[in-house]
Amino acid sequence: MAWYDSAVFYHIYPLGLCGCPHENHGEEGHHFGKLKAWADHARKLGCTAIYIGPLFESEGHGYETTDYRKVDRRLGTNGEFKNYVSYCHSIGLHVIVDGVFNHTGRSFFAFQDLKEHRENSRYKDWYCNVNFYGNNEYNDGFSYDNWGGYNLLVKLNQWNPEVQNYLFDSVRFWVSEFDIDGIRLDAADVLDHNFMRQLRKLTDSLKPEFWLMGEVIHGDYSRWANNEMLHSVTNYELHKGLYSGHNDHNYFEIAHSVRRLLGICGNTPLYTFVDNHDVERLATKLNNKAHLRPVMILNYTLPGIPSLYYGTEFGIEGKKEWGSDWSLRPCLELSDYRDAYEDNELTHLIVQLGRCKQLYPELTYGEYRELYLQNRQYAFARVLNGRAVIAALNNDDRYAVISIPLPIAATRATDILIDAGENEQDPLAEQAENEHREAEKAKKLQFMAADIRTALQRLQSAADTLTGSGEDTCTIEQLHSDADGLISLIDGYAREFRMPLAMQAPPREIEGPELHLQDGRLEVQLPANHGTLIYVE
């Protein structure tokens, strides 16, 4: 499987996070040191990839590109970004960037030449529907196609081979110079499909497992996400259901979207999110902040590639103001949230979910099975190789008891969000922790072997006595007793070593669900506005 199949993304809008000027007047900034600290933070949350963008030189918000081969001077230099990518790789993070290929800014060299030379410009065919009999609010003396009705975003002619070659050369530069791992295609829903097919062929040849993800709002996502074009697209349909399904106490909306999208896209994982740089923050959209927990559990456990927009892990709010998106893209300082890992329940939950995503492959590769569905309660399983993780959720303001049919024949059920433990929060220490566990396991195995050897010696001694002295009731009883003891000893060790590592940690002392397993069903008592994950085997 490719790295992106099991990825958890951390999404950064760098111009906002770093507090850069909203307009580019030439001021130079050097913010990649701060961005490295946020990369460390993302890793601590359990994320395995960074989506950072927009990144390249632009006039304002970043999507009106003026130079595809130069990092925005408000953020830093090409060398600083190259060092940043290398640092991310060193701590186990892949890096993808925004590719804004549908349009350029008005300061882009080709558009500047068009303004100067008009009909005689060699770049007049680089843009769509340039009309020298028209005009616009900038009084250019000509009109042209744009994105979204905004003439500051001038639509490129992706059918023009010169435009294609220029953009493809830019991608080659990004890979060779910065060693990026993928591209998020801005406005992919209006990009030419053949352009994306050619881009896929190019990137497949440039770097193994290079990931292409597209911004698509509506429609049949499989038109873009398929073996010929993109690996994934943004799942706006599920994004809408995640908050409105809780505001309306309607889990049917979410379950319907999941079934529909699986039917359309099959095993193609979509990019799931609860908010981003274009939509209002989850904590703002939810009528009840207690629903942050079940929504975030769904984001991490439903089929797809989960992502987390910077600041959402702290529960910050953000609402569009006067048509501006800058309130959704705030400047934040990690020092203001230094206690969040201990004191913020949402932050702690996200750390736990990140850990579960790493420890339980069922949450990535497992088959989705819907188990229980009512307006206010929902349960489903991710099933893989005879094991399963069940997500159980309650959006009601009252306690709920639900009886769930087991997706597999199981004898044990464990709440892994409670039992994940608090001492496993830093994924950077995972290797050392695993080595320590393996050493402890080796010691236990040595003791186990010694115990079994002693028990076998006692059995052999009893058998020798029985053989040498004829039938003796006391000796036979002792033999049975020793045999039963050996069986109990082996069973005890077997139970211990079948138990997943994550379940050996002591449970947190918080109020949580109660589980009862009987007759092929699992009864879950869920607190109000709660959700949890249950491992069954």
Protein backbone atom coordinates (compact mmCIF):
# COMPACT_ATOMS: atom_id res chain seq x y z
CA MET A 1 0.00 0.00 0.00
CA ALA A 2 1.12 3.59 -0.66
CA TRP A 3 1.93 6.01 2.15
CA TYR A 4 -1.15 8.12 1.44
CA ASP A 5 -3.57 5.22 1.96
CA SER A 6 -2.99 5.34 5.72
CA ALA A 7 -2.15 9.05 5.99
CA VAL A 8 -3.59 11.55 8.44
CA PHE A 9 -3.13 15.07 7.05
CA TYR A 10 -2.47 18.31 8.90
CA HIS A 11 -3.61 21.25 6.77
CA ILE A 12 -1.78 24.57 7.11
CA TYR A 13 -2.68 27.85 5.43
CA PRO A 14 0.77 29.41 5.89
CA LEU A 15 0.06 33.06 5.03
CA GLY A 16 -2.61 33.12 7.73
CA LEU A 17 -0.87 31.00 10.35
CA CYS A 18 2.27 33.12 10.09
CA GLY A 19 0.41 36.44 10.20
CA CYS A 20 1.72 37.61 6.83
CA PRO A 21 0.46 40.87 5.27
CA HIS A 22 -2.75 40.29 3.34
CA GLU A 23 -1.28 42.01 0.29
CA ASN A 24 2.17 41.41 -1.14
CA HIS A 25 4.03 44.72 -1.26
CA GLY A 26 7.46 43.14 -1.30
CA GLU A 27 8.00 42.66 2.43
CA GLU A 28 10.19 39.66 3.13
CA GLY A 29 9.45 37.21 5.92
CA HIS A 30 11.24 34.18 7.30
CA HIS A 31 8.60 31.97 8.88
CA PHE A 32 9.71 28.42 8.19
CA GLY A 33 11.19 28.14 11.67
CA LYS A 34 7.70 28.67 13.06
CA LEU A 35 6.29 26.23 10.52
CA LYS A 36 8.78 23.57 11.68
CA ALA A 37 7.41 23.91 15.22
CA TRP A 38 3.92 23.34 13.83
CA ALA A 39 5.22 20.30 11.96
CA ASP A 40 6.43 18.90 15.30
CA HIS A 41 3.00 19.65 16.72
CA ALA A 42 1.29 17.86 13.82
CA ARG A 43 3.46 14.81 14.41
CA LYS A 44 2.61 14.85 18.09
CA LEU A 45 -1.08 14.82 17.17
CA GLY A 46 -0.47 11.65 15.18
CA CYS A 47 -0.53 13.20 11.71
CA THR A 48 1.68 11.68 9.05
CA ALA A 49 1.49 14.29 6.28
CA ILE A 50 1.36 18.07 5.86
CA TYR A 51 -0.77 19.85 3.27
CA ILE A 52 0.68 23.36 3.12
CA GLY A 53 -0.59 25.98 0.75
CA PRO A 54 -0.87 28.22 -1.06
CA LEU A 55 2.87 28.66 -1.04
CA PHE A 56 4.19 30.37 -4.16
CA GLU A 57 4.57 34.06 -4.96
CA SER A 58 1.21 35.79 -5.26
CA GLU A 59 -0.49 39.15 -4.98
CA GLY A 60 -2.63 38.54 -1.91
CA HIS A 61 -4.36 35.46 -0.53
CA GLY A 62 -2.08 33.08 -2.41
CA TYR A 63 -4.31 31.79 -5.18
CA GLU A 64 -3.49 34.59 -7.63
CA THR A 65 -0.05 33.16 -8.46
CA THR A 66 2.57 35.46 -9.96
CA ASP A 67 5.59 33.11 -9.94
CA TYR A 68 5.25 29.32 -9.87
CA ARG A 69 8.92 28.76 -9.10
CA LYS A 70 9.45 31.10 -6.19
CA VAL A 71 8.16 30.72 -2.64
CA ASP A 72 6.09 33.72 -1.55
CA ARG A 73 8.58 36.24 -0.14
CA ARG A 74 6.21 36.91 2.77
CA LEU A 75 6.91 33.34 3.95
CA GLY A 76 10.59 32.91 3.13
CA THR A 77 12.93 31.69 0.43
CA ASN A 78 13.16 28.64 -1.79
CA GLY A 79 16.10 27.42 0.27
CA GLU A 80 14.15 27.77 3.51
CA PHE A 81 11.23 25.80 2.10
CA LYS A 82 13.58 23.09 0.81
CA ASN A 83 15.03 22.80 4.31
CA TYR A 84 11.49 22.67 5.73
CA VAL A 85 10.50 19.75 3.50
CA SER A 86 13.68 17.92 4.45
CA TYR A 87 12.91 18.48 8.13
CA CYS A 88 9.35 17.19 7.72
CA HIS A 89 10.67 14.07 6.02
CA SER A 90 13.13 13.53 8.87
CA ILE A 91 10.31 13.38 11.43
CA GLY A 92 8.06 11.16 9.35
CA LEU A 93 5.84 13.69 7.57
CA HIS A 94 5.11 13.74 3.84
CA VAL A 95 4.53 17.17 2.28
CA ILE A 96 2.04 18.19 -0.40
CA VAL A 97 1.54 21.70 -1.77
CA ASP A 98 -1.17 23.64 -3.57
CA GLY A 99 -1.03 23.59 -7.37
CA VAL A 100 -3.03 26.52 -8.73
CA PHE A 101 -3.21 25.60 -12.41
CA ASN A 102 -6.65 26.90 -13.37
CA HIS A 103 -5.74 30.57 -13.19
CA THR A 104 -2.97 33.08 -12.51
CA GLY A 105 -2.82 36.48 -10.91
CA ARG A 106 -2.80 39.63 -12.99
CA SER A 107 0.89 40.22 -12.18
CA PHE A 108 1.93 36.93 -13.78
CA PHE A 109 4.43 37.59 -16.59
CA ALA A 110 2.19 36.24 -19.37
CA PHE A 111 -0.74 38.46 -18.39
CA GLN A 112 1.53 41.50 -18.05
CA ASP A 113 2.77 40.87 -21.60
CA LEU A 114 -0.83 40.56 -22.78
CA LYS A 115 -1.68 43.93 -21.25
CA GLU A 116 1.32 45.56 -22.87
CA HIS A 117 1.19 44.05 -26.35
CA ARG A 118 -2.49 43.15 -26.61
CA GLU A 119 -3.19 41.46 -29.99
CA ASN A 120 0.55 41.15 -30.64
CA SER A 121 1.33 39.38 -27.38
CA ARG A 122 2.80 35.91 -27.83
CA TYR A 123 0.85 34.94 -24.71
CA LYS A 124 -2.62 35.96 -25.86
CA ASP A 125 -3.53 32.29 -26.32
CA TRP A 126 -2.36 31.41 -22.81
CA TYR A 127 -5.70 32.64 -21.46
CA CYS A 128 -9.30 31.71 -22.24
CA ASN A 129 -11.61 33.85 -24.39
CA VAL A 130 -9.54 37.01 -24.53
CA ASN A 131 -11.80 39.58 -26.21
CA PHE A 132 -10.22 42.86 -27.34
CA TYR A 133 -13.66 44.35 -27.92
CA GLY A 134 -14.54 43.99 -24.26
CA ASN A 135 -13.39 45.62 -21.03
CA ASN A 136 -13.45 45.07 -17.27
CA GLU A 137 -13.31 46.90 -13.94
CA TYR A 138 -9.53 47.31 -14.33
CA ASN A 139 -10.07 49.11 -17.66
CA ASP A 140 -7.70 46.74 -19.45
CA GLY A 141 -9.40 47.37 -22.76
CA PHE A 142 -10.19 43.67 -23.13
CA SER A 143 -12.08 40.96 -21.26
CA TYR A 144 -11.27 37.34 -20.45
CA ASP A 145 -12.55 34.29 -18.60
CA ASN A 146 -11.90 34.10 -14.88
CA TRP A 147 -12.58 31.89 -11.89
CA GLY A 148 -15.71 32.51 -9.84
CA GLY A 149 -16.45 35.89 -11.41
CA TYR A 150 -13.23 37.41 -10.05
CA ASN A 151 -11.14 39.12 -12.73
CA LEU A 152 -8.08 39.06 -10.47
CA LEU A 153 -8.03 35.28 -11.18
CA VAL A 154 -7.36 34.99 -14.91
CA LYS A 155 -8.26 31.59 -16.37
CA LEU A 156 -5.43 29.74 -18.08
CA ASN A 157 -5.96 27.90 -21.37
CA GLN A 158 -5.03 24.36 -20.31
CA TRP A 159 -5.58 23.13 -23.88
CA ASN A 160 -2.60 25.20 -25.07
CA PRO A 161 0.52 22.98 -25.28
CA GLU A 162 2.73 25.91 -24.23
CA VAL A 163 0.69 26.39 -21.05
CA GLN A 164 0.79 22.67 -20.33
CA ASN A 165 4.56 22.52 -20.80
CA TYR A 166 5.09 25.55 -18.57
CA LEU A 167 3.00 24.09 -15.76
CA PHE A 168 4.51 20.62 -16.12
CA ASP A 169 8.01 22.12 -16.00
CA SER A 170 6.98 23.91 -12.80
CA VAL A 171 5.94 20.57 -11.29
CA ARG A 172 9.26 19.04 -12.33
CA PHE A 173 10.98 21.95 -10.58
CA TRP A 174 8.96 21.44 -7.37
CA VAL A 175 9.88 17.77 -7.23
CA SER A 176 13.56 18.14 -8.13
CA GLU A 177 14.18 21.28 -6.04
CA PHE A 178 11.97 20.71 -2.99
CA ASP A 179 11.30 16.92 -3.03
CA ILE A 180 7.57 17.36 -2.38
CA ASP A 181 5.37 14.26 -2.16
CA GLY A 182 2.17 15.44 -3.81
CA ILE A 183 -0.04 18.25 -5.05
CA ARG A 184 -3.50 19.41 -4.09
CA LEU A 185 -5.05 20.76 -7.31
CA ASP A 186 -6.97 23.94 -6.65
CA ALA A 187 -10.30 24.21 -8.51
CA ALA A 188 -9.88 20.72 -9.96
CA ASP A 189 -13.58 20.60 -10.79
CA VAL A 190 -13.00 23.13 -13.60
CA LEU A 191 -9.64 21.82 -14.82
CA ASP A 192 -9.45 20.08 -18.18
CA HIS A 193 -9.59 16.32 -17.70
CA ASN A 194 -6.96 15.59 -20.32
CA PHE A 195 -4.63 18.05 -18.60
CA MET A 196 -5.03 16.07 -15.37
CA ARG A 197 -4.44 12.77 -17.18
CA GLN A 198 -1.17 14.10 -18.57
CA LEU A 199 -0.23 15.46 -15.15
CA ARG A 200 -0.84 12.03 -13.60
CA LYS A 201 1.45 10.38 -16.16
CA LEU A 202 4.12 12.98 -15.47
CA THR A 203 4.04 12.72 -11.69
CA ASP A 204 3.95 8.91 -11.80
CA SER A 205 7.24 9.10 -13.71
CA LEU A 206 8.81 11.71 -11.43
CA LYS A 207 8.49 10.10 -8.01
CA PRO A 208 7.09 6.83 -6.67
CA GLU A 209 3.79 7.20 -4.78
CA PHE A 210 3.42 10.87 -5.74
CA TRP A 211 -0.09 11.87 -4.64
CA LEU A 212 -2.58 14.00 -6.57
CA MET A 213 -5.68 15.27 -4.78
CA GLY A 214 -8.22 17.64 -6.28
CA GLU A 215 -10.55 20.28 -4.91
CA VAL A 216 -14.01 19.17 -6.08
CA ILE A 217 -17.22 20.46 -4.51
CA HIS A 218 -20.14 18.67 -6.15
CA GLY A 219 -20.86 15.87 -8.57
CA ASP A 220 -19.72 12.34 -9.20
CA TYR A 221 -16.31 12.26 -7.52
CA SER A 222 -15.25 9.23 -9.56
CA ARG A 223 -15.05 11.47 -12.64
CA TRP A 224 -11.91 12.97 -11.10
CA ALA A 225 -10.69 10.32 -8.64
CA ASN A 226 -9.75 7.29 -10.73
CA ASN A 227 -6.73 5.38 -12.02
CA GLU A 228 -6.16 7.81 -14.90
CA MET A 229 -6.42 11.19 -13.17
CA LEU A 230 -6.36 11.92 -9.44
CA HIS A 231 -5.82 9.64 -6.46
CA SER A 232 -8.43 11.46 -4.38
CA VAL A 233 -10.68 14.51 -4.15
CA THR A 234 -12.12 16.61 -1.34
CA ASN A 235 -15.22 15.03 0.18
CA TYR A 236 -17.46 18.09 0.50
CA GLU A 237 -20.58 15.93 0.55
CA LEU A 238 -19.54 14.18 3.76
CA HIS A 239 -18.18 17.44 5.20
CA LYS A 240 -21.66 18.95 5.01
CA GLY A 241 -23.30 15.90 6.55
CA LEU A 242 -20.87 15.73 9.47
CA TYR A 243 -22.06 19.01 10.97
CA SER A 244 -25.66 19.19 9.69
CA GLY A 245 -26.29 15.56 10.66
CA HIS A 246 -25.49 16.53 14.25
CA ASN A 247 -27.27 19.89 14.21
CA ASP A 248 -30.43 18.17 12.93
CA HIS A 249 -29.95 15.01 15.03
CA ASN A 250 -30.02 13.06 11.78
CA TYR A 251 -27.44 10.31 11.43
CA PHE A 252 -29.38 9.06 8.40
CA GLU A 253 -27.88 11.92 6.38
CA ILE A 254 -24.32 10.84 7.19
CA ALA A 255 -24.98 7.13 6.66
CA HIS A 256 -26.70 7.83 3.33
CA SER A 257 -23.70 9.84 2.09
CA VAL A 258 -21.31 7.08 3.11
CA ARG A 259 -23.32 4.41 1.29
CA ARG A 260 -23.75 6.59 -1.80
CA LEU A 261 -20.08 7.52 -2.03
CA LEU A 262 -18.93 3.94 -1.53
CA GLY A 263 -21.25 2.94 -4.35
CA ILE A 264 -19.82 5.61 -6.64
CA CYS A 265 -16.14 5.58 -5.71
CA GLY A 266 -15.67 2.04 -4.44
CA ASN A 267 -12.31 1.62 -2.75
CA THR A 268 -10.98 5.03 -3.82
CA PRO A 269 -10.38 6.89 -0.53
CA LEU A 270 -11.70 10.46 -0.49
CA TYR A 271 -10.08 13.31 1.44
CA THR A 272 -12.27 13.89 4.51
CA PHE A 273 -12.35 17.06 6.57
CA VAL A 274 -14.53 18.92 9.04
CA ASP A 275 -13.35 22.41 8.04
CA ASN A 276 -10.68 24.13 5.96
CA HIS A 277 -9.48 27.55 4.77
CA ASP A 278 -12.64 28.12 2.70
CA VAL A 279 -15.42 27.09 5.11
CA GLU A 280 -16.38 28.14 8.61
CA ARG A 281 -14.81 26.35 11.55
CA LEU A 282 -16.48 23.23 12.90
CA ALA A 283 -16.87 24.76 16.37
CA THR A 284 -18.75 27.66 14.76
CA LYS A 285 -21.02 25.50 12.60
CA LEU A 286 -22.09 23.13 15.37
CA ASN A 287 -25.10 24.18 17.44
CA ASN A 288 -23.84 22.05 20.32
CA LYS A 289 -20.10 22.10 21.07
CA ALA A 290 -20.43 18.70 22.76
CA HIS A 291 -20.83 17.28 19.25
CA LEU A 292 -17.18 18.03 18.51
CA ARG A 293 -16.33 14.60 19.89
CA PRO A 294 -18.61 12.42 17.74
CA VAL A 295 -17.91 14.50 14.63
CA MET A 296 -14.16 14.12 15.05
CA ILE A 297 -14.49 10.38 15.64
CA LEU A 298 -16.40 10.08 12.36
CA ASN A 299 -13.77 12.14 10.54
CA TYR A 300 -11.08 9.67 11.57
CA THR A 301 -12.96 6.39 11.24
CA LEU A 302 -15.29 6.55 8.23
CA PRO A 303 -13.75 5.41 4.92
CA GLY A 304 -11.39 8.06 3.61
CA ILE A 305 -8.17 9.94 4.29
CA PRO A 306 -8.72 12.15 7.36
CA SER A 307 -7.35 15.65 7.64
CA LEU A 308 -7.16 18.25 10.38
CA TYR A 309 -7.10 22.01 9.71
CA TYR A 310 -4.68 23.89 11.95
CA GLY A 311 -6.31 25.15 15.13
CA THR A 312 -9.33 22.86 14.93
CA GLU A 313 -7.62 20.53 17.41
CA PHE A 314 -8.00 23.34 19.97
CA GLY A 315 -11.67 23.93 19.16
CA ILE A 316 -11.16 27.46 17.83
CA GLU A 317 -14.03 29.19 16.05
CA GLY A 318 -14.05 31.08 12.78
CA LYS A 319 -16.87 32.72 10.83
CA LYS A 320 -16.75 34.45 7.46
CA GLU A 321 -16.97 38.21 7.88
CA TRP A 322 -18.10 40.61 5.16
CA GLY A 323 -17.34 38.02 2.50
CA SER A 324 -13.73 37.65 3.66
CA ASP A 325 -12.05 34.34 4.49
CA TRP A 326 -9.23 35.78 6.59
CA SER A 327 -11.10 35.05 9.82
CA LEU A 328 -10.93 31.38 8.83
CA ARG A 329 -7.14 31.66 8.42
CA PRO A 330 -5.91 33.20 11.68
CA CYS A 331 -2.42 33.78 12.98
CA LEU A 332 -1.85 31.36 15.88
CA GLU A 333 1.01 30.78 18.31
CA LEU A 334 1.66 27.34 19.76
CA SER A 335 2.75 28.94 23.02
CA ASP A 336 -0.87 30.00 23.57
CA TYR A 337 -1.90 26.32 23.57
CA ARG A 338 1.00 24.75 25.46
CA ASP A 339 -1.37 23.13 27.99
CA ALA A 340 -3.85 21.82 25.43
CA TYR A 341 -2.51 18.27 25.47
CA GLU A 342 -3.41 17.95 29.13
CA ASP A 343 -6.30 20.37 29.58
CA ASN A 344 -8.20 20.40 26.27
CA GLU A 345 -10.47 17.36 25.87
CA LEU A 346 -10.69 17.82 22.10
CA THR A 347 -6.91 17.97 21.70
CA HIS A 348 -6.54 14.86 23.83
CA LEU A 349 -9.20 13.07 21.78
CA ILE A 350 -7.41 13.90 18.53
CA VAL A 351 -4.14 12.54 19.92
CA GLN A 352 -5.99 9.33 20.83
CA LEU A 353 -7.59 9.10 17.39
CA GLY A 354 -4.22 9.60 15.74
CA ARG A 355 -2.78 6.79 17.83
CA CYS A 356 -5.70 4.49 17.04
CA LYS A 357 -5.32 5.22 13.34
CA GLN A 358 -1.70 4.06 13.56
CA LEU A 359 -2.30 1.03 15.77
CA TYR A 360 -5.43 -0.39 14.13
CA PRO A 361 -5.17 -1.06 10.38
CA GLU A 362 -8.90 -1.84 10.43
CA LEU A 363 -9.50 1.93 10.48
CA THR A 364 -7.66 2.31 7.18
CA TYR A 365 -8.17 -0.89 5.24
CA GLY A 366 -11.20 -2.41 6.93
CA GLU A 367 -14.49 -3.01 5.13
CA TYR A 368 -17.24 -0.60 6.20
CA ARG A 369 -20.29 -2.32 7.72
CA GLU A 370 -23.27 -0.38 9.01
CA LEU A 371 -24.50 -2.01 12.23
CA TYR A 372 -27.03 0.34 13.84
CA LEU A 373 -28.76 3.48 12.60
CA GLN A 374 -31.29 5.79 14.21
CA ASN A 375 -31.66 9.56 14.03
CA ARG A 376 -29.62 10.02 17.20
CA GLN A 377 -27.46 6.89 17.38
CA TYR A 378 -25.16 5.34 14.80
CA ALA A 379 -22.74 2.41 14.85
CA PHE A 380 -20.59 0.91 12.15
CA ALA A 381 -17.58 -1.38 11.95
CA ARG A 382 -14.35 -1.45 10.00
CA VAL A 383 -13.60 -5.15 9.53
CA LEU A 384 -10.26 -6.66 8.52
CA ASN A 385 -8.92 -10.22 8.74
CA GLY A 386 -11.41 -11.42 11.33
CA ARG A 387 -11.04 -8.40 13.60
CA ALA A 388 -13.00 -5.18 13.79
CA VAL A 389 -13.16 -1.70 15.24
CA ILE A 390 -16.69 -0.49 15.97
CA ALA A 391 -17.54 3.21 16.14
CA ALA A 392 -20.58 3.89 18.34
CA LEU A 393 -22.04 7.40 18.49
CA ASN A 394 -24.82 9.23 20.28
CA ASN A 395 -25.85 12.79 19.31
CA ASP A 396 -28.69 12.91 21.84
CA ASP A 397 -28.66 15.05 24.98
CA ARG A 398 -29.65 11.93 26.91
CA TYR A 399 -27.91 8.70 27.76
CA ALA A 400 -28.54 5.95 25.19
CA VAL A 401 -28.30 2.17 25.25
CA ILE A 402 -27.88 0.45 21.89
CA SER A 403 -27.62 -3.24 21.03
CA ILE A 404 -25.29 -3.85 18.11
CA PRO A 405 -24.95 -7.09 16.14
CA LEU A 406 -21.31 -8.16 16.16
CA PRO A 407 -19.67 -7.95 12.73
CA ILE A 408 -17.46 -10.96 13.56
CA ALA A 409 -17.49 -13.89 15.98
CA ALA A 410 -15.95 -12.18 19.00
CA THR A 411 -15.26 -12.99 22.62
CA ARG A 412 -13.68 -9.73 23.73
CA ALA A 413 -14.66 -6.06 23.37
CA THR A 414 -12.46 -3.19 24.55
CA ASP A 415 -13.04 0.56 24.48
CA ILE A 416 -9.81 1.70 22.84
CA LEU A 417 -10.42 5.43 23.28
CA ILE A 418 -10.41 4.92 27.04
CA ASP A 419 -7.70 2.28 27.11
CA ALA A 420 -5.34 3.99 24.66
CA GLY A 421 -3.60 5.53 27.69
CA GLU A 422 -2.06 8.92 28.26
CA ASN A 423 1.58 7.91 28.10
CA GLU A 424 1.58 7.23 24.36
CA GLN A 425 0.89 10.69 23.06
CA ASP A 426 4.14 11.35 21.19
CA PRO A 427 4.44 9.30 18.00
CA LEU A 428 8.11 10.32 17.77
CA ALA A 429 8.77 8.07 20.78
CA GLU A 430 6.86 5.14 19.31
CA GLN A 431 9.95 3.26 18.15
CA ALA A 432 11.60 3.49 21.57
CA GLU A 433 8.35 2.47 23.26
CA ASN A 434 7.97 -0.53 20.99
CA GLU A 435 11.57 -1.59 21.61
CA HIS A 436 10.95 -1.35 25.35
CA ARG A 437 7.76 -3.39 25.04
CA GLU A 438 9.55 -6.03 22.97
CA ALA A 439 12.30 -6.27 25.60
CA GLU A 440 9.70 -6.65 28.35
CA LYS A 441 7.87 -9.24 26.28
CA ALA A 442 11.14 -11.18 25.80
CA LYS A 443 11.68 -11.21 29.57
CA LYS A 444 8.13 -12.47 30.12
CA LEU A 445 8.67 -15.17 27.52
CA GLN A 446 11.81 -16.29 29.34
CA PHE A 447 9.90 -16.50 32.63
CA MET A 448 7.05 -18.27 30.86
CA ALA A 449 9.44 -20.85 29.42
CA ALA A 450 10.99 -21.42 32.85
CA ASP A 451 7.56 -21.81 34.48
CA ILE A 452 6.41 -24.28 31.86
CA ARG A 453 9.70 -26.19 32.09
CA THR A 454 9.28 -26.51 35.89
CA ALA A 455 5.67 -27.64 35.49
CA LEU A 456 6.68 -30.23 32.91
CA GLN A 457 9.43 -31.52 35.20
CA ARG A 458 6.85 -31.96 37.98
CA LEU A 459 4.57 -33.82 35.60
CA GLN A 460 7.45 -36.05 34.50
CA SER A 461 8.40 -36.75 38.11
CA ALA A 462 4.80 -37.64 38.98
CA ALA A 463 4.57 -39.88 35.94
CA ASP A 464 7.81 -41.65 36.88
CA THR A 465 6.52 -42.20 40.40
CA LEU A 466 3.26 -43.58 39.07
CA THR A 467 5.06 -45.94 36.70
CA GLY A 468 7.46 -47.21 39.37
CA SER A 469 5.01 -47.78 42.21
CA GLY A 470 1.87 -48.96 40.50
CA GLU A 471 -1.49 -47.21 40.85
CA ASP A 472 -1.50 -44.77 43.70
CA THR A 473 -4.54 -42.53 44.29
CA CYS A 474 -2.56 -39.64 45.78
CA THR A 475 -0.04 -39.70 42.96
CA ILE A 476 -2.77 -39.74 40.31
CA GLU A 477 -4.56 -36.81 41.97
CA GLN A 478 -1.27 -34.92 42.12
CA LEU A 479 -0.68 -35.64 38.44
CA HIS A 480 -4.12 -34.26 37.52
CA SER A 481 -3.51 -31.21 39.69
CA ASP A 482 -0.15 -30.50 38.07
CA ALA A 483 -1.65 -30.96 34.59
CA ASP A 484 -4.50 -28.57 35.38
CA GLY A 485 -1.99 -26.06 36.71
CA LEU A 486 0.05 -26.26 33.54
CA ILE A 487 -3.03 -25.75 31.38
CA SER A 488 -4.06 -22.70 33.43
CA LEU A 489 -0.53 -21.33 33.21
CA ILE A 490 -0.43 -21.65 29.44
CA ASP A 491 -3.96 -20.19 29.07
CA GLY A 492 -2.99 -17.21 31.21
CA TYR A 493 0.06 -16.44 29.12
CA ALA A 494 -1.90 -16.92 25.91
CA ARG A 495 -4.54 -14.40 27.02
CA GLU A 496 -1.86 -11.88 27.91
CA PHE A 497 0.01 -12.16 24.63
CA ARG A 498 -3.14 -12.05 22.49
CA MET A 499 -4.05 -8.68 23.98
CA PRO A 500 -3.11 -5.71 21.69
CA LEU A 501 -0.40 -3.43 23.06
CA ALA A 502 -2.70 -0.40 23.10
CA MET A 503 -5.07 -2.22 25.45
CA GLN A 504 -2.39 -2.97 28.07
CA ALA A 505 -2.18 0.66 29.17
CA PRO A 506 -4.21 1.69 32.24
CA PRO A 507 -7.56 3.33 31.41
CA ARG A 508 -8.10 7.06 31.90
CA GLU A 509 -10.25 7.98 34.83
CA ILE A 510 -13.08 9.57 32.86
CA GLU A 511 -16.74 8.76 32.57
CA GLY A 512 -17.24 6.67 29.47
CA PRO A 513 -19.39 4.03 27.83
CA GLU A 514 -20.15 0.64 29.34
CA LEU A 515 -19.87 -2.50 27.21
CA HIS A 516 -21.66 -5.84 27.53
CA LEU A 517 -20.92 -8.69 25.13
CA GLN A 518 -23.39 -11.57 24.93
CA ASP A 519 -25.00 -13.92 22.41
CA GLY A 520 -23.43 -12.37 19.33
CA ARG A 521 -24.42 -8.82 20.25
CA LEU A 522 -22.69 -5.90 21.89
CA GLU A 523 -24.67 -3.67 24.22
CA VAL A 524 -23.17 -0.17 24.50
CA GLN A 525 -24.31 2.36 27.08
CA LEU A 526 -23.33 5.75 25.65
CA PRO A 527 -23.30 9.01 27.61
CA ALA A 528 -25.04 12.02 26.08
CA ASN A 529 -23.36 13.53 23.00
CA HIS A 530 -20.65 10.93 23.10
CA GLY A 531 -18.87 8.48 20.90
CA THR A 532 -16.20 5.84 21.23
CA LEU A 533 -14.27 3.12 19.42
CA ILE A 534 -14.53 -0.53 20.41
CA TYR A 535 -12.05 -3.19 19.36
CA VAL A 536 -13.58 -6.65 19.05
CA GLU A 537 -11.82 -9.95 18.42
